[in-house]
Amino acid sequence: MSGNRKFFAAAMAAILMIFSAGCGSTVQMDTAEVEALLAKSQETMAAVESMAAEMTMEMDMSLGDEVMETTTVANILTRQNPLQMQMDMSVKMEDGSEGQQMKLYAEEVDGKLMTYMYSADTWYAQTMELGDLGQYNAEQNLELYLNNIESFQASGEETINGTETTKIEGVISGDAMEEAILESGVAESAVSMGVTEEQLQAMYADMGDLPIAMWIDAEGYVLKYEMDLTELMQKIMDAAMGAVGQTEADVSVSIKKTMISMVCSDFNAVGEITIPAEAKSAKVLTVEE
């Protein structure tokens, strides 16, 4: 019996080791080692000229007894200098049904961004500022995050798309946090819901730090990053409800989760992005339209 117990214990230990290896392991790195990895990543990512990314945004909210869960997925190809972008986006509801689907192309022309969007079987064209699609430019965002992450620590080792990475967790605060929120596109959404610039500035001042996690490989490439925007979205929703006359006695909207993640790949391997002829021939919309 004693031998059986020892065999059982050894088998359980082996099973636990297998499962822990699959779920990510802990890592011991001192501050200097983490700083060195971040510095290497800054240098590596600054040299990236093209990349692919898959953005996933999960948002769960409730209105009284009604719960709505949506997952937005965008597959993005980006080339820098001059900027070119291709994106396919879809929205799924909690029941698995497909919501909005959209295809977008963008190219830098004379210091502006010419965008072409395909939605509801129609192409639309519009001129934008270069930063207007910042939430989808993973390389640009990573430069901001890598240069401004604070209170960071290595929290584990995980495999992303077959490559071993170190997970670094930290926060973005102060002016960098405000810039990160602007780049995320959340602020623009808030304005569309009636939130004023003054209310946005008050929210920035009232917010805590913005949590962020990055998964970095040995060469300094960031293979994934993730941001928790739950607190920010709740504040925006509260402000938006106030803007339309919602009172505390009314049913409030509760934001349960807002998470944005980017999984990055194909560094310096994205070829020329060709915009379809039918998109190029689309009528250019003006702001009034």
Protein backbone atom coordinates (compact mmCIF):
# COMPACT_ATOMS: atom_id res chain seq x y z
CA MET A 1 0.00 0.00 0.00
CA SER A 2 2.83 2.35 0.82
CA GLY A 3 4.32 1.78 -2.60
CA ASN A 4 0.97 2.51 -4.26
CA ARG A 5 0.66 5.79 -2.33
CA LYS A 6 4.14 6.87 -3.45
CA PHE A 7 3.33 5.97 -7.06
CA PHE A 8 0.03 7.89 -6.89
CA ALA A 9 1.75 10.95 -5.39
CA ALA A 10 4.44 10.90 -8.07
CA ALA A 11 1.84 10.56 -10.82
CA MET A 12 -0.18 13.49 -9.46
CA ALA A 13 2.95 15.62 -9.26
CA ALA A 14 3.76 14.84 -12.89
CA ILE A 15 0.21 15.70 -13.99
CA LEU A 16 0.34 19.02 -12.11
CA MET A 17 3.65 19.86 -13.78
CA ILE A 18 2.14 19.19 -17.22
CA PHE A 19 -0.89 21.37 -16.55
CA SER A 20 1.16 24.21 -15.06
CA ALA A 21 3.43 24.20 -18.11
CA GLY A 22 0.42 24.55 -20.38
CA CYS A 23 -1.15 27.39 -18.40
CA GLY A 24 1.94 29.57 -17.98
CA SER A 25 4.62 29.39 -15.33
CA THR A 26 5.97 31.86 -12.83
CA VAL A 27 9.20 33.68 -13.53
CA GLN A 28 11.77 35.22 -11.23
CA MET A 29 13.20 38.45 -12.68
CA ASP A 30 14.57 41.38 -10.71
CA THR A 31 13.79 44.98 -11.60
CA ALA A 32 16.99 45.42 -13.60
CA GLU A 33 16.21 42.39 -15.77
CA VAL A 34 12.67 43.61 -16.46
CA GLU A 35 13.99 47.07 -17.31
CA ALA A 36 16.51 45.51 -19.71
CA LEU A 37 13.76 43.49 -21.43
CA LEU A 38 11.58 46.59 -21.78
CA ALA A 39 14.51 48.60 -23.16
CA LYS A 40 15.24 45.85 -25.70
CA SER A 41 11.58 45.76 -26.66
CA GLN A 42 11.55 49.54 -27.20
CA GLU A 43 14.45 49.19 -29.63
CA THR A 44 13.01 46.14 -31.40
CA MET A 45 9.51 47.51 -31.84
CA ALA A 46 10.78 50.93 -32.99
CA ALA A 47 12.42 49.17 -35.95
CA VAL A 48 9.23 47.34 -37.02
CA GLU A 49 8.01 48.58 -40.41
CA SER A 50 5.01 46.28 -40.84
CA MET A 51 3.00 43.79 -38.80
CA ALA A 52 -0.28 41.93 -38.42
CA ALA A 53 -2.53 42.03 -35.38
CA GLU A 54 -5.78 40.54 -34.16
CA MET A 55 -7.67 42.88 -31.87
CA THR A 56 -10.36 41.51 -29.57
CA MET A 57 -12.62 43.73 -27.48
CA GLU A 58 -14.93 42.04 -24.98
CA MET A 59 -17.64 44.20 -23.45
CA ASP A 60 -20.27 42.98 -20.99
CA MET A 61 -22.93 45.35 -19.69
CA SER A 62 -26.31 45.16 -18.01
CA LEU A 63 -29.39 47.39 -17.99
CA GLY A 64 -31.57 46.30 -15.12
CA ASP A 65 -32.20 42.59 -15.65
CA GLU A 66 -31.07 42.69 -19.27
CA VAL A 67 -27.49 41.59 -19.96
CA MET A 68 -25.62 42.22 -23.21
CA GLU A 69 -22.27 40.65 -24.09
CA THR A 70 -20.44 41.56 -27.29
CA THR A 71 -17.10 40.52 -28.75
CA THR A 72 -15.53 42.63 -31.48
CA VAL A 73 -12.71 41.04 -33.50
CA ALA A 74 -10.58 42.95 -35.99
CA ASN A 75 -7.86 41.40 -38.15
CA ILE A 76 -5.43 44.16 -39.10
CA LEU A 77 -2.46 44.54 -41.45
CA THR A 78 -0.33 47.66 -41.05
CA ARG A 79 2.63 49.15 -42.91
CA GLN A 80 4.39 52.30 -41.70
CA ASN A 81 6.02 55.27 -43.48
CA PRO A 82 3.80 55.92 -45.35
CA LEU A 83 0.96 54.43 -43.35
CA GLN A 84 -1.14 51.72 -45.00
CA MET A 85 -3.80 49.66 -43.26
CA GLN A 86 -6.23 46.87 -44.02
CA MET A 87 -8.83 45.70 -41.50
CA ASP A 88 -11.67 43.18 -41.37
CA MET A 89 -13.96 43.64 -38.37
CA SER A 90 -16.92 41.69 -37.03
CA VAL A 91 -19.11 41.92 -33.95
CA LYS A 92 -20.62 38.86 -32.26
CA MET A 93 -23.42 38.88 -29.70
CA GLU A 94 -23.66 36.64 -26.64
CA ASP A 95 -25.91 34.17 -28.49
CA GLY A 96 -23.23 33.68 -31.15
CA SER A 97 -25.07 35.65 -33.83
CA GLU A 98 -23.10 37.96 -36.12
CA GLY A 99 -23.69 41.67 -35.73
CA GLN A 100 -22.00 44.40 -37.70
CA GLN A 101 -19.32 43.46 -40.25
CA MET A 102 -16.96 45.94 -41.85
CA LYS A 103 -13.93 46.06 -44.13
CA LEU A 104 -11.60 49.06 -44.09
CA TYR A 105 -8.55 50.22 -46.03
CA ALA A 106 -6.48 53.30 -45.29
CA GLU A 107 -3.47 55.01 -46.86
CA GLU A 108 -1.47 58.10 -46.05
CA VAL A 109 -1.74 60.76 -48.76
CA ASP A 110 -0.14 64.22 -48.40
CA GLY A 111 -0.10 64.08 -44.61
CA LYS A 112 -3.73 62.94 -44.34
CA LEU A 113 -5.34 59.51 -44.07
CA MET A 114 -7.59 58.45 -46.94
CA THR A 115 -9.94 55.74 -45.70
CA TYR A 116 -12.24 53.38 -47.58
CA MET A 117 -14.93 51.48 -45.67
CA TYR A 118 -17.18 48.70 -46.94
CA SER A 119 -20.39 48.24 -44.97
CA ALA A 120 -23.94 47.20 -45.92
CA ASP A 121 -22.80 46.32 -49.47
CA THR A 122 -21.50 49.84 -50.13
CA TRP A 123 -18.05 51.47 -50.24
CA TYR A 124 -17.55 54.83 -48.55
CA ALA A 125 -14.44 57.06 -48.70
CA GLN A 126 -13.41 59.74 -46.25
CA THR A 127 -10.37 61.86 -45.43
CA MET A 128 -9.17 61.70 -41.81
CA GLU A 129 -6.28 62.90 -39.71
CA LEU A 130 -3.36 60.47 -39.39
CA GLY A 131 -4.17 59.69 -35.75
CA ASP A 132 -7.87 59.02 -36.21
CA LEU A 133 -7.37 55.24 -36.50
CA GLY A 134 -4.85 55.12 -33.66
CA GLN A 135 -6.72 52.42 -31.73
CA TYR A 136 -6.01 49.98 -34.57
CA ASN A 137 -2.32 50.86 -35.02
CA ALA A 138 -0.74 48.33 -32.65
CA GLU A 139 2.83 49.38 -33.41
CA GLN A 140 2.12 53.04 -32.65
CA ASN A 141 0.32 52.15 -29.42
CA LEU A 142 3.10 49.85 -28.25
CA GLU A 143 5.64 52.66 -28.51
CA LEU A 144 3.49 54.68 -26.09
CA TYR A 145 2.99 51.77 -23.69
CA LEU A 146 6.62 50.62 -23.65
CA ASN A 147 7.88 54.14 -22.97
CA ASN A 148 5.41 54.88 -20.17
CA ILE A 149 4.70 51.64 -18.27
CA GLU A 150 5.19 52.04 -14.51
CA SER A 151 5.16 49.80 -11.42
CA PHE A 152 6.03 46.90 -13.71
CA GLN A 153 6.95 43.35 -12.84
CA ALA A 154 7.39 40.02 -14.60
CA SER A 155 4.42 37.86 -13.63
CA GLY A 156 4.91 34.70 -15.68
CA GLU A 157 6.09 32.93 -18.80
CA GLU A 158 3.57 31.96 -21.45
CA THR A 159 3.59 30.62 -24.99
CA ILE A 160 1.97 32.89 -27.57
CA ASN A 161 1.56 31.43 -31.08
CA GLY A 162 4.29 28.88 -30.37
CA THR A 163 6.82 31.39 -29.01
CA GLU A 164 7.92 31.65 -25.37
CA THR A 165 7.25 35.07 -23.86
CA THR A 166 7.62 36.88 -20.55
CA LYS A 167 4.46 38.52 -19.27
CA ILE A 168 5.08 42.03 -17.92
CA GLU A 169 2.31 43.68 -15.93
CA GLY A 170 2.19 47.33 -14.94
CA VAL A 171 0.16 50.54 -15.22
CA ILE A 172 -0.04 53.64 -17.39
CA SER A 173 -0.71 56.85 -15.48
CA GLY A 174 -0.77 60.63 -15.81
CA ASP A 175 -0.55 62.28 -19.23
CA ALA A 176 0.41 58.96 -20.84
CA MET A 177 -2.83 57.41 -19.54
CA GLU A 178 -4.87 60.18 -21.15
CA GLU A 179 -3.02 59.70 -24.44
CA ALA A 180 -3.57 55.93 -24.24
CA ILE A 181 -7.30 56.47 -23.75
CA LEU A 182 -7.43 58.82 -26.72
CA GLU A 183 -5.56 56.30 -28.88
CA SER A 184 -7.93 53.51 -27.78
CA GLY A 185 -10.89 55.24 -29.43
CA VAL A 186 -12.89 55.16 -26.19
CA ALA A 187 -12.87 58.95 -25.82
CA GLU A 188 -14.30 59.39 -29.32
CA SER A 189 -17.09 56.93 -28.46
CA ALA A 190 -17.81 58.91 -25.30
CA VAL A 191 -18.19 62.16 -27.25
CA SER A 192 -20.61 60.45 -29.64
CA MET A 193 -22.74 59.53 -26.59
CA GLY A 194 -22.95 63.16 -25.47
CA VAL A 195 -20.05 63.30 -23.00
CA THR A 196 -18.41 66.74 -23.07
CA GLU A 197 -14.69 67.47 -23.18
CA GLU A 198 -14.96 68.94 -19.67
CA GLN A 199 -16.50 65.71 -18.38
CA LEU A 200 -13.75 63.69 -20.05
CA GLN A 201 -11.05 65.80 -18.40
CA ALA A 202 -12.75 65.36 -15.01
CA MET A 203 -12.82 61.57 -15.54
CA TYR A 204 -9.12 61.49 -16.37
CA ALA A 205 -8.35 63.35 -13.14
CA ASP A 206 -10.62 61.05 -11.12
CA MET A 207 -9.35 57.78 -12.57
CA GLY A 208 -6.73 55.57 -11.07
CA ASP A 209 -3.96 54.02 -13.11
CA LEU A 210 -4.70 52.13 -16.32
CA PRO A 211 -3.71 48.43 -15.98
CA ILE A 212 -1.76 46.91 -18.86
CA ALA A 213 -0.03 43.60 -19.57
CA MET A 214 2.45 42.84 -22.35
CA TRP A 215 3.88 39.51 -23.50
CA ILE A 216 7.44 40.00 -24.83
CA ASP A 217 9.67 37.39 -26.45
CA ALA A 218 13.46 37.05 -26.11
CA GLU A 219 14.09 39.24 -29.18
CA GLY A 220 11.99 42.07 -27.76
CA TYR A 221 8.91 41.62 -29.94
CA VAL A 222 5.60 42.24 -28.17
CA LEU A 223 3.43 39.30 -29.19
CA LYS A 224 0.40 40.41 -27.19
CA TYR A 225 -0.86 43.26 -25.04
CA GLU A 226 -4.01 43.64 -23.01
CA MET A 227 -5.74 46.60 -21.33
CA ASP A 228 -8.56 46.69 -18.79
CA LEU A 229 -10.89 49.62 -19.59
CA THR A 230 -13.78 48.54 -17.34
CA GLU A 231 -13.49 51.41 -14.86
CA LEU A 232 -13.15 53.99 -17.61
CA MET A 233 -16.18 52.71 -19.54
CA GLN A 234 -18.33 52.77 -16.41
CA LYS A 235 -17.42 56.42 -15.81
CA ILE A 236 -18.14 57.25 -19.45
CA MET A 237 -21.49 55.48 -19.32
CA ASP A 238 -22.45 57.31 -16.10
CA ALA A 239 -21.57 60.64 -17.72
CA ALA A 240 -23.49 59.75 -20.89
CA MET A 241 -26.59 58.81 -18.91
CA GLY A 242 -26.37 62.11 -17.07
CA ALA A 243 -26.09 63.95 -20.38
CA VAL A 244 -29.46 62.58 -21.53
CA GLY A 245 -31.19 63.25 -18.21
CA GLN A 246 -30.80 59.84 -16.57
CA THR A 247 -31.24 60.05 -12.79
CA GLU A 248 -30.11 57.74 -10.01
CA ALA A 249 -33.74 56.61 -9.62
CA ASP A 250 -33.76 55.33 -13.18
CA VAL A 251 -32.34 51.97 -14.22
CA SER A 252 -28.57 52.37 -14.54
CA VAL A 253 -26.19 50.78 -17.02
CA SER A 254 -23.53 48.64 -15.35
CA ILE A 255 -20.31 47.85 -17.20
CA LYS A 256 -19.18 44.40 -16.10
CA LYS A 257 -16.13 44.08 -18.35
CA THR A 258 -14.31 45.97 -21.08
CA MET A 259 -11.08 44.27 -22.13
CA ILE A 260 -9.01 45.03 -25.22
CA SER A 261 -6.24 42.71 -26.39
CA MET A 262 -3.95 42.67 -29.41
CA VAL A 263 -2.11 39.56 -30.60
CA CYS A 264 0.73 40.66 -32.91
CA SER A 265 2.56 38.69 -35.60
CA ASP A 266 4.29 38.85 -39.02
CA PHE A 267 6.74 41.54 -37.94
CA ASN A 268 8.33 43.17 -41.02
CA ALA A 269 6.62 40.57 -43.22
CA VAL A 270 3.46 42.34 -44.44
CA GLY A 271 3.58 43.03 -48.17
CA GLU A 272 2.14 45.96 -50.10
CA ILE A 273 -1.53 46.55 -49.29
CA THR A 274 -3.62 46.94 -52.45
CA ILE A 275 -6.86 48.88 -52.17
CA PRO A 276 -9.67 47.50 -54.40
CA ALA A 277 -10.58 49.58 -57.45
CA GLU A 278 -14.23 49.79 -56.34
CA ALA A 279 -13.12 51.33 -53.05
CA LYS A 280 -10.94 53.87 -54.85
CA SER A 281 -13.93 54.92 -56.98
CA ALA A 282 -16.23 55.50 -53.96
CA LYS A 283 -17.63 58.97 -53.37
CA VAL A 284 -15.65 60.91 -50.77
CA LEU A 285 -17.88 61.85 -47.86
CA THR A 286 -17.61 65.20 -46.11
CA VAL A 287 -18.16 65.88 -42.40
CA GLU A 288 -21.63 67.31 -43.13
CA GLU A 289 -22.65 64.05 -44.81
